[in-house]
Amino acid sequence: MQIQRSLMRCRAERGGAMAGCLIALGIVLVIVIAGVIFVALNWRGWMASGIDAVSEGIVAEMELDETERGEVLAELKAVTQAFKDGDIELSDAGRIIEEIARSPVAPTLIVAGLNAEYFQPSGLEAEEKEAANLAMSRVARGVYDKSIEPEKLNEIFAPISTTATTGSGVHINTEEFSLNLKSPDDVTDEELREVIVLAQAEADAAEVPNEEFEIDASEEIAKAVETALGRRLTPAPEDRP
């Protein structure tokens, strides 16, 4: 899996709109666990601290209320602390990543990131932005419950797609689909309107409920960890909001 867009670049664009970071987080919320572990298997304390720092930077930009943001961080810190203490191994981290990727967290944050980067800062009318938010949320639900196949995202986002696989824009490459989108600066409002229409049509065809897809992110992460490990990790009291 490849995701191209750096945390630093995300901060620099669109007044802090963190699509690339949200996308990365959505696909595998703790992808940093795998990356850092591979770099230095023997330095658990250093790795855990580095993972926590990256996680805090990403979670800070998520569209969550302060309490839920704190709960998400607490769940992630429980994982990194367990790794630091030697309670979980590399294989465990891999299973956690896989379970989070299967959870509703992944598609919800992927689509939320695209919505935040492309639609909300655009010149669309307020009603159109609301329609985009609902359409994107319905698509996220459809991808999660498999009523919408992941490769359908290519059709939905075709009006703002590019043949380039690197450079500016958003580039996501997974086992299930690849998505290469133009930079938001190169996308017109009319193209965004086309995406909204396609998203609504796909959601309607899949009979996705016409309502926003709301999830409890921290609980979904906790459940993913429990499925992966066969037990829940309890966040430290001082890490809870």
Protein backbone atom coordinates (compact mmCIF):
# COMPACT_ATOMS: atom_id res chain seq x y z
CA MET A 1 0.00 0.00 0.00
CA GLN A 2 1.26 3.43 -0.91
CA ILE A 3 -0.08 6.81 0.14
CA GLN A 4 1.59 9.91 -1.18
CA ARG A 5 1.18 13.12 0.75
CA SER A 6 3.29 14.21 3.66
CA LEU A 7 2.15 15.51 7.02
CA MET A 8 4.13 18.68 6.51
CA ARG A 9 2.57 19.30 3.12
CA CYS A 10 -0.89 18.75 4.51
CA ARG A 11 -0.31 21.48 7.04
CA ALA A 12 0.77 23.90 4.38
CA GLU A 13 -2.24 23.59 2.10
CA ARG A 14 -5.83 24.75 2.28
CA GLY A 15 -5.56 26.48 5.60
CA GLY A 16 -4.83 23.26 7.47
CA ALA A 17 -7.26 20.95 5.66
CA MET A 18 -5.68 17.60 6.35
CA ALA A 19 -7.01 15.35 3.60
CA GLY A 20 -3.83 13.44 2.99
CA CYS A 21 -3.31 12.86 6.69
CA LEU A 22 -6.91 11.81 7.17
CA ILE A 23 -6.67 9.51 4.19
CA ALA A 24 -3.56 7.88 5.57
CA LEU A 25 -5.19 7.60 8.94
CA GLY A 26 -8.37 6.25 7.42
CA ILE A 27 -6.72 3.44 5.51
CA VAL A 28 -4.64 2.29 8.47
CA LEU A 29 -5.02 4.55 11.45
CA VAL A 30 -1.82 3.24 12.97
CA ILE A 31 0.21 2.76 9.79
CA VAL A 32 3.03 4.57 11.59
CA ILE A 33 3.32 1.61 13.92
CA ALA A 34 4.43 -0.64 11.07
CA GLY A 35 6.76 1.91 9.53
CA VAL A 36 8.62 2.80 12.69
CA ILE A 37 8.80 -0.78 13.94
CA PHE A 38 10.50 -1.89 10.74
CA VAL A 39 13.10 0.86 11.13
CA ALA A 40 14.28 -0.05 14.61
CA LEU A 41 12.98 -3.27 16.07
CA ASN A 42 15.11 -3.13 19.19
CA TRP A 43 14.32 0.38 20.40
CA ARG A 44 10.83 -0.04 21.73
CA GLY A 45 10.80 3.04 23.93
CA TRP A 46 12.10 5.33 21.19
CA MET A 47 9.66 3.92 18.69
CA ALA A 48 6.68 4.25 21.00
CA SER A 49 7.50 7.90 21.64
CA GLY A 50 7.86 8.58 17.92
CA ILE A 51 4.60 6.85 17.11
CA ASP A 52 2.79 8.82 19.81
CA ALA A 53 4.12 12.10 18.42
CA VAL A 54 2.99 11.31 14.88
CA SER A 55 -0.39 10.04 16.08
CA GLU A 56 -1.00 13.18 18.12
CA GLY A 57 -0.24 15.37 15.10
CA ILE A 58 -2.65 13.47 12.87
CA VAL A 59 -5.46 13.03 15.40
CA ALA A 60 -5.28 16.75 16.25
CA GLU A 61 -6.54 17.49 12.75
CA MET A 62 -9.42 15.00 12.78
CA GLU A 63 -12.94 16.36 12.75
CA LEU A 64 -13.76 15.13 16.25
CA ASP A 65 -14.87 16.86 19.39
CA GLU A 66 -12.26 17.29 22.08
CA THR A 67 -13.47 14.36 24.18
CA GLU A 68 -13.55 11.89 21.30
CA ARG A 69 -10.17 13.10 20.07
CA GLY A 70 -8.73 12.41 23.51
CA GLU A 71 -10.32 8.97 23.60
CA VAL A 72 -8.85 8.08 20.19
CA LEU A 73 -5.40 9.13 21.38
CA ALA A 74 -5.82 7.12 24.56
CA GLU A 75 -6.61 3.97 22.57
CA LEU A 76 -3.59 4.52 20.32
CA LYS A 77 -1.31 5.18 23.28
CA ALA A 78 -2.47 1.93 24.86
CA VAL A 79 -1.16 0.14 21.77
CA THR A 80 2.18 1.94 21.73
CA GLN A 81 2.63 1.43 25.48
CA ALA A 82 1.96 -2.28 25.09
CA PHE A 83 4.61 -2.42 22.40
CA LYS A 84 7.07 -0.47 24.53
CA ASP A 85 6.48 -2.87 27.42
CA GLY A 86 6.97 -5.90 25.18
CA ASP A 87 3.35 -7.03 25.58
CA ILE A 88 2.75 -7.05 21.82
CA GLU A 89 5.05 -7.91 18.94
CA LEU A 90 5.44 -6.93 15.29
CA SER A 91 2.98 -9.62 14.20
CA ASP A 92 0.43 -8.24 16.66
CA ALA A 93 0.87 -4.74 15.23
CA GLY A 94 0.27 -6.14 11.76
CA ARG A 95 -2.99 -7.73 12.85
CA ILE A 96 -4.10 -4.50 14.52
CA ILE A 97 -3.44 -2.58 11.31
CA GLU A 98 -5.42 -5.12 9.30
CA GLU A 99 -8.39 -4.98 11.66
CA ILE A 100 -8.48 -1.19 11.68
CA ALA A 101 -8.35 -1.25 7.88
CA ARG A 102 -11.44 -3.49 7.94
CA SER A 103 -13.26 -1.27 10.40
CA PRO A 104 -15.62 1.62 9.56
CA VAL A 105 -12.87 4.01 10.66
CA ALA A 106 -10.95 3.52 7.42
CA PRO A 107 -13.55 4.38 4.75
CA THR A 108 -15.09 7.07 6.92
CA LEU A 109 -11.85 9.00 7.29
CA ILE A 110 -10.74 8.43 3.70
CA VAL A 111 -13.92 9.99 2.38
CA ALA A 112 -14.01 12.64 5.13
CA GLY A 113 -10.50 13.66 4.12
CA LEU A 114 -11.47 14.04 0.48
CA ASN A 115 -14.52 16.01 1.50
CA ALA A 116 -12.46 18.34 3.70
CA GLU A 117 -9.81 18.94 1.05
CA TYR A 118 -11.89 19.30 -2.10
CA PHE A 119 -15.49 20.21 -1.34
CA GLN A 120 -15.56 22.30 1.81
CA PRO A 121 -12.91 24.89 0.74
CA SER A 122 -14.44 25.15 -2.76
CA GLY A 123 -16.67 27.83 -4.26
CA LEU A 124 -19.76 25.65 -3.98
CA GLU A 125 -22.85 27.06 -2.29
CA ALA A 126 -23.52 26.07 1.32
CA GLU A 127 -26.34 23.74 0.24
CA GLU A 128 -24.05 22.04 -2.26
CA LYS A 129 -21.39 21.51 0.40
CA GLU A 130 -24.01 19.93 2.66
CA ALA A 131 -25.03 17.67 -0.22
CA ALA A 132 -21.39 16.74 -0.75
CA ASN A 133 -20.95 15.93 2.94
CA LEU A 134 -23.99 13.65 2.92
CA ALA A 135 -23.03 11.99 -0.36
CA MET A 136 -19.48 11.33 0.84
CA SER A 137 -20.76 9.94 4.13
CA ARG A 138 -23.12 7.58 2.31
CA VAL A 139 -20.28 6.39 0.08
CA ALA A 140 -18.16 5.68 3.17
CA ARG A 141 -20.96 3.56 4.62
CA GLY A 142 -21.36 1.72 1.33
CA VAL A 143 -17.65 0.93 1.10
CA TYR A 144 -17.66 -0.31 4.68
CA ASP A 145 -20.73 -2.56 4.38
CA LYS A 146 -19.56 -3.69 0.91
CA SER A 147 -22.68 -2.49 -0.89
CA ILE A 148 -20.26 -0.26 -2.83
CA GLU A 149 -17.09 -1.89 -4.13
CA PRO A 150 -13.89 0.08 -3.40
CA GLU A 151 -13.02 0.29 -7.09
CA LYS A 152 -16.25 2.25 -7.60
CA LEU A 153 -14.42 5.18 -6.03
CA ASN A 154 -12.57 5.56 -9.31
CA GLU A 155 -15.87 6.08 -11.13
CA ILE A 156 -17.21 8.44 -8.50
CA PHE A 157 -14.11 10.62 -8.50
CA ALA A 158 -13.43 10.35 -12.24
CA PRO A 159 -14.20 14.05 -12.90
CA ILE A 160 -11.30 15.11 -10.66
CA SER A 161 -8.96 12.20 -11.38
CA THR A 162 -5.60 12.35 -13.10
CA THR A 163 -3.41 9.84 -14.90
CA ALA A 164 -0.42 11.02 -12.86
CA THR A 165 0.53 8.68 -10.04
CA THR A 166 2.88 11.10 -8.28
CA GLY A 167 3.14 14.84 -7.74
CA SER A 168 0.56 17.26 -6.41
CA GLY A 169 -2.86 15.98 -5.53
CA VAL A 170 -3.85 12.86 -3.63
CA HIS A 171 -2.54 9.42 -4.61
CA ILE A 172 -3.78 6.30 -2.85
CA ASN A 173 -2.61 2.85 -3.86
CA THR A 174 -4.02 -0.19 -2.01
CA GLU A 175 -4.61 -3.83 -2.85
CA GLU A 176 -8.27 -3.07 -3.53
CA PHE A 177 -8.09 0.15 -5.53
CA SER A 178 -5.93 3.00 -6.73
CA LEU A 179 -7.08 6.61 -6.68
CA ASN A 180 -5.17 9.49 -8.22
CA LEU A 181 -6.76 12.91 -7.87
CA LYS A 182 -5.74 16.29 -9.20
CA SER A 183 -4.58 18.98 -6.85
CA PRO A 184 -7.58 20.84 -5.33
CA ASP A 185 -6.23 24.01 -6.95
CA ASP A 186 -6.72 22.41 -10.37
CA VAL A 187 -10.28 21.24 -9.74
CA THR A 188 -13.27 23.32 -10.81
CA ASP A 189 -16.55 23.69 -8.96
CA GLU A 190 -18.35 22.14 -11.91
CA GLU A 191 -16.17 19.04 -11.66
CA LEU A 192 -16.99 18.81 -7.97
CA ARG A 193 -20.69 19.02 -8.79
CA GLU A 194 -20.23 16.08 -11.14
CA VAL A 195 -18.61 14.08 -8.35
CA ILE A 196 -21.53 14.82 -6.03
CA VAL A 197 -24.02 13.60 -8.64
CA LEU A 198 -22.02 10.41 -9.22
CA ALA A 199 -21.67 9.77 -5.48
CA GLN A 200 -25.38 10.26 -4.90
CA ALA A 201 -26.23 7.97 -7.81
CA GLU A 202 -23.89 5.22 -6.60
CA ALA A 203 -25.23 5.45 -3.05
CA ASP A 204 -28.82 5.34 -4.33
CA ALA A 205 -28.07 2.33 -6.55
CA ALA A 206 -26.54 0.53 -3.58
CA GLU A 207 -29.56 1.46 -1.45
CA VAL A 208 -27.39 3.15 1.15
CA PRO A 209 -29.55 4.98 3.74
CA ASN A 210 -29.91 8.67 2.99
CA GLU A 211 -28.29 9.76 6.23
CA GLU A 212 -24.83 10.51 7.56
CA PHE A 213 -22.67 7.59 8.61
CA GLU A 214 -21.65 8.28 12.19
CA ILE A 215 -19.17 6.11 14.07
CA ASP A 216 -17.56 6.06 17.50
CA ALA A 217 -13.94 6.19 16.34
CA SER A 218 -12.33 5.35 19.68
CA GLU A 219 -14.66 2.39 20.27
CA GLU A 220 -14.06 1.06 16.76
CA ILE A 221 -10.30 1.24 17.32
CA ALA A 222 -10.68 -0.55 20.66
CA LYS A 223 -12.76 -3.28 19.03
CA ALA A 224 -10.22 -3.68 16.22
CA VAL A 225 -7.42 -4.09 18.76
CA GLU A 226 -9.50 -6.62 20.71
CA THR A 227 -10.19 -8.64 17.56
CA ALA A 228 -6.52 -8.61 16.63
CA LEU A 229 -5.16 -9.52 20.07
CA GLY A 230 -8.04 -11.45 21.60
CA ARG A 231 -8.12 -8.96 24.46
CA ARG A 232 -8.66 -5.28 25.07
CA LEU A 233 -5.86 -2.93 25.93
CA THR A 234 -6.82 -0.58 28.74
CA PRO A 235 -5.62 3.01 28.32
CA ALA A 236 -3.78 4.49 31.28
CA PRO A 237 -6.01 6.68 33.47
CA GLU A 238 -3.80 9.70 32.81
CA ASP A 239 -4.27 9.30 29.04
CA ARG A 240 -8.07 9.36 29.21
CA PRO A 241 -9.78 12.70 28.55
